[in-house]
Amino acid sequence: MIAAFLEGVNGILLPCSMVLLIPVMAAPLIAGRLPLLAVAAAGAGATGVMWLRAAQLVPGPVETVLAPVVGFAVVALGLMSVRGTDRAVAPLGAAFGLGLLAGLIWLPCVGVELGGILTSAGQRMPSSVLGLGAYALGVLVPALAAALLLIVIRPRGTTQHLVHRGGVALAVLVALLPVTGLDDRFVGWLVQLSVS
């Protein structure tokens, strides 16, 4: 478990990890007073979908349909949170949706630990889910740091609104990737960026 976490931390700047990290970075920004809970919700969503995909329980055609649906839901929840419709449910729902979305567009960069976890995903459910969770936690260290920073500085007034709206804007942009079919280009762009 520790090795999976460290492998996730080690791979933070890899394109495959950025696909997980960038959507989840919006979670603490949109969550208001619940940034750690938002990162946890996003991490849970990502880990669940990553495991379902690794265990081959989500067929490719379902992924293709599900990603845009989740994208629309994230956009709707993000916009609801801007309007102040619900102070906890909409932002946490959007954070969970961002995690689901990240898990759907994620392509694993397989190291020794993650490779073993993915290989055993269909046979050993509890240990593979925990291993994927540890790996995702390692990748999401920057999102956790952002959440802790938001707790420490406690933005108020105009700054709080700017942080929230910036997070919603990032969430909407990420959510629109699979809706528009640009998620593959996004991953390709991250790969090109890392190679150059």
Protein backbone atom coordinates (compact mmCIF):
# COMPACT_ATOMS: atom_id res chain seq x y z
CA MET A 1 0.00 0.00 0.00
CA ILE A 2 2.80 2.42 0.91
CA ALA A 3 4.65 1.47 -2.27
CA ALA A 4 1.52 2.24 -4.34
CA PHE A 5 1.17 5.62 -2.61
CA LEU A 6 4.85 6.45 -3.27
CA GLU A 7 4.51 5.35 -6.90
CA GLY A 8 1.56 7.76 -7.22
CA VAL A 9 3.59 10.60 -5.66
CA ASN A 10 6.51 9.78 -7.94
CA GLY A 11 4.26 9.96 -11.01
CA ILE A 12 2.56 13.28 -10.24
CA LEU A 13 4.07 15.05 -13.25
CA LEU A 14 3.44 12.20 -15.72
CA PRO A 15 0.67 12.85 -18.29
CA CYS A 16 -1.41 9.92 -17.05
CA SER A 17 -1.32 11.34 -13.52
CA MET A 18 -2.15 14.86 -14.70
CA VAL A 19 -5.36 13.46 -16.20
CA LEU A 20 -6.36 12.51 -12.64
CA LEU A 21 -4.91 15.55 -10.93
CA ILE A 22 -6.22 18.42 -13.08
CA PRO A 23 -9.94 17.59 -12.66
CA VAL A 24 -9.52 16.93 -8.95
CA MET A 25 -7.69 20.27 -8.45
CA ALA A 26 -11.03 21.98 -9.11
CA ALA A 27 -12.70 20.06 -6.26
CA PRO A 28 -11.30 22.01 -3.28
CA LEU A 29 -11.83 25.30 -5.10
CA ILE A 30 -15.55 24.76 -5.56
CA ALA A 31 -16.19 23.23 -2.14
CA GLY A 32 -16.26 26.37 -0.01
CA ARG A 33 -15.76 25.32 3.60
CA LEU A 34 -15.37 21.62 2.76
CA PRO A 35 -12.20 21.40 0.62
CA LEU A 36 -10.81 18.20 2.18
CA LEU A 37 -14.18 16.49 1.89
CA ALA A 38 -14.36 17.56 -1.77
CA VAL A 39 -10.92 16.05 -2.51
CA ALA A 40 -12.00 12.87 -0.69
CA ALA A 41 -15.20 12.73 -2.77
CA ALA A 42 -13.25 13.23 -5.99
CA GLY A 43 -10.66 10.66 -4.96
CA ALA A 44 -13.38 8.14 -4.10
CA GLY A 45 -15.07 8.69 -7.46
CA ALA A 46 -11.80 8.30 -9.35
CA THR A 47 -10.71 5.22 -7.39
CA GLY A 48 -14.07 3.50 -7.88
CA VAL A 49 -14.11 4.02 -11.63
CA MET A 50 -10.41 3.13 -11.94
CA TRP A 51 -11.09 -0.19 -10.19
CA LEU A 52 -14.22 -0.91 -12.24
CA ARG A 53 -12.24 -0.31 -15.43
CA ALA A 54 -9.26 -2.38 -14.23
CA ALA A 55 -11.56 -5.27 -13.29
CA GLN A 56 -13.11 -4.93 -16.77
CA LEU A 57 -16.57 -4.32 -15.33
CA VAL A 58 -17.16 -1.20 -17.45
CA PRO A 59 -17.19 -2.05 -21.17
CA GLY A 60 -15.65 0.47 -23.59
CA PRO A 61 -18.99 1.53 -25.14
CA VAL A 62 -20.37 2.28 -21.67
CA GLU A 63 -17.31 4.48 -20.92
CA THR A 64 -17.88 6.34 -24.17
CA VAL A 65 -21.49 7.14 -23.21
CA LEU A 66 -20.90 7.61 -19.49
CA ALA A 67 -18.12 10.22 -19.73
CA PRO A 68 -20.26 12.88 -21.48
CA VAL A 69 -23.20 12.16 -19.14
CA VAL A 70 -20.96 12.67 -16.11
CA GLY A 71 -19.51 15.76 -17.81
CA PHE A 72 -22.99 17.29 -18.18
CA ALA A 73 -23.76 16.46 -14.54
CA VAL A 74 -20.55 18.17 -13.36
CA VAL A 75 -21.39 21.27 -15.41
CA ALA A 76 -24.91 21.37 -13.96
CA LEU A 77 -23.74 20.86 -10.37
CA GLY A 78 -20.96 23.41 -10.81
CA LEU A 79 -23.41 26.00 -12.10
CA MET A 80 -25.83 25.18 -9.27
CA SER A 81 -23.04 25.80 -6.76
CA VAL A 82 -22.34 29.22 -8.32
CA ARG A 83 -26.00 30.16 -7.91
CA GLY A 84 -25.82 29.06 -4.27
CA THR A 85 -28.60 26.52 -4.83
CA ASP A 86 -27.15 24.15 -2.26
CA ARG A 87 -24.07 24.97 -0.26
CA ALA A 88 -22.87 21.39 0.30
CA VAL A 89 -24.60 18.94 -2.05
CA ALA A 90 -23.90 20.68 -5.38
CA PRO A 91 -20.16 21.31 -4.79
CA LEU A 92 -19.57 17.85 -3.30
CA GLY A 93 -21.61 16.25 -6.08
CA ALA A 94 -19.54 18.15 -8.64
CA ALA A 95 -16.33 17.02 -6.86
CA PHE A 96 -17.47 13.38 -6.92
CA GLY A 97 -18.41 13.78 -10.59
CA LEU A 98 -14.98 15.25 -11.35
CA GLY A 99 -13.45 12.16 -9.75
CA LEU A 100 -15.66 9.87 -11.83
CA LEU A 101 -14.72 11.81 -14.94
CA ALA A 102 -11.01 11.65 -14.12
CA GLY A 103 -11.28 7.89 -13.61
CA LEU A 104 -13.08 7.49 -16.94
CA ILE A 105 -10.50 9.38 -19.03
CA TRP A 106 -7.47 8.11 -17.07
CA LEU A 107 -4.97 5.94 -18.91
CA PRO A 108 -2.69 4.18 -16.43
CA CYS A 109 1.05 4.79 -16.51
CA VAL A 110 2.02 1.42 -15.19
CA GLY A 111 4.82 1.12 -12.71
CA VAL A 112 5.62 -2.05 -10.80
CA GLU A 113 3.08 -1.50 -8.01
CA LEU A 114 0.25 -0.17 -10.15
CA GLY A 115 0.82 -2.94 -12.70
CA GLY A 116 0.41 -5.57 -9.99
CA ILE A 117 -2.72 -3.88 -8.65
CA LEU A 118 -4.31 -3.60 -12.09
CA THR A 119 -3.47 -7.21 -12.92
CA SER A 120 -5.13 -8.49 -9.76
CA ALA A 121 -8.14 -6.13 -9.86
CA GLY A 122 -10.59 -8.78 -11.04
CA GLN A 123 -9.45 -11.44 -8.57
CA ARG A 124 -8.69 -9.59 -5.33
CA MET A 125 -11.21 -6.82 -4.92
CA PRO A 126 -10.48 -5.41 -1.44
CA SER A 127 -6.71 -5.28 -1.82
CA SER A 128 -6.84 -3.92 -5.38
CA VAL A 129 -9.34 -1.19 -4.43
CA LEU A 130 -7.17 -0.19 -1.47
CA GLY A 131 -4.06 -0.26 -3.67
CA LEU A 132 -5.69 1.93 -6.32
CA GLY A 133 -6.88 4.24 -3.56
CA ALA A 134 -3.33 4.53 -2.20
CA TYR A 135 -1.98 5.21 -5.71
CA ALA A 136 -4.67 7.86 -6.35
CA LEU A 137 -3.97 9.43 -2.96
CA GLY A 138 -0.30 9.73 -3.94
CA VAL A 139 -1.20 11.38 -7.23
CA LEU A 140 -3.64 13.72 -5.49
CA VAL A 141 -1.13 15.09 -2.95
CA PRO A 142 -1.15 18.51 -4.72
CA ALA A 143 -4.97 18.64 -4.51
CA LEU A 144 -4.78 17.79 -0.81
CA ALA A 145 -2.17 20.51 -0.36
CA ALA A 146 -4.46 23.00 -2.12
CA ALA A 147 -7.34 21.97 0.16
CA LEU A 148 -5.18 22.42 3.26
CA LEU A 149 -3.99 25.79 1.99
CA LEU A 150 -7.60 26.89 1.53
CA ILE A 151 -8.35 25.81 5.10
CA VAL A 152 -5.37 27.77 6.43
CA ILE A 153 -5.90 31.01 4.49
CA ARG A 154 -9.74 30.87 4.64
CA PRO A 155 -10.54 33.19 1.74
CA ARG A 156 -13.44 35.53 2.49
CA GLY A 157 -15.68 37.86 0.54
CA THR A 158 -14.58 38.67 -2.99
CA THR A 159 -11.55 36.37 -2.80
CA GLN A 160 -13.75 33.44 -1.79
CA HIS A 161 -16.08 34.12 -4.73
CA LEU A 162 -13.14 34.34 -7.14
CA VAL A 163 -11.65 31.07 -5.87
CA HIS A 164 -15.04 29.36 -6.12
CA ARG A 165 -15.79 30.64 -9.59
CA GLY A 166 -12.27 29.78 -10.79
CA GLY A 167 -12.79 26.24 -9.53
CA VAL A 168 -16.17 26.01 -11.25
CA ALA A 169 -14.64 27.33 -14.49
CA LEU A 170 -11.90 24.66 -14.31
CA ALA A 171 -14.50 22.00 -13.49
CA VAL A 172 -16.68 23.05 -16.44
CA LEU A 173 -13.70 23.09 -18.83
CA VAL A 174 -12.64 19.60 -17.74
CA ALA A 175 -16.22 18.34 -17.84
CA LEU A 176 -16.63 19.58 -21.40
CA LEU A 177 -13.65 17.53 -22.63
CA PRO A 178 -15.55 14.23 -22.98
CA VAL A 179 -18.76 16.03 -23.97
CA THR A 180 -16.97 17.56 -26.97
CA GLY A 181 -14.81 14.50 -27.64
CA LEU A 182 -11.63 16.43 -26.84
CA ASP A 183 -10.57 14.22 -23.92
CA ASP A 184 -8.29 12.09 -26.14
CA ARG A 185 -6.66 15.24 -27.53
CA PHE A 186 -6.19 16.54 -23.99
CA VAL A 187 -4.36 13.34 -22.98
CA GLY A 188 -2.30 13.49 -26.20
CA TRP A 189 -1.40 17.11 -25.52
CA LEU A 190 -0.23 16.21 -21.99
CA VAL A 191 1.93 13.40 -23.43
CA GLN A 192 3.47 15.76 -26.01
CA LEU A 193 4.09 18.35 -23.32
CA SER A 194 5.89 15.82 -21.13
CA VAL A 195 8.05 14.54 -24.00
CA SER A 196 9.24 18.00 -25.08
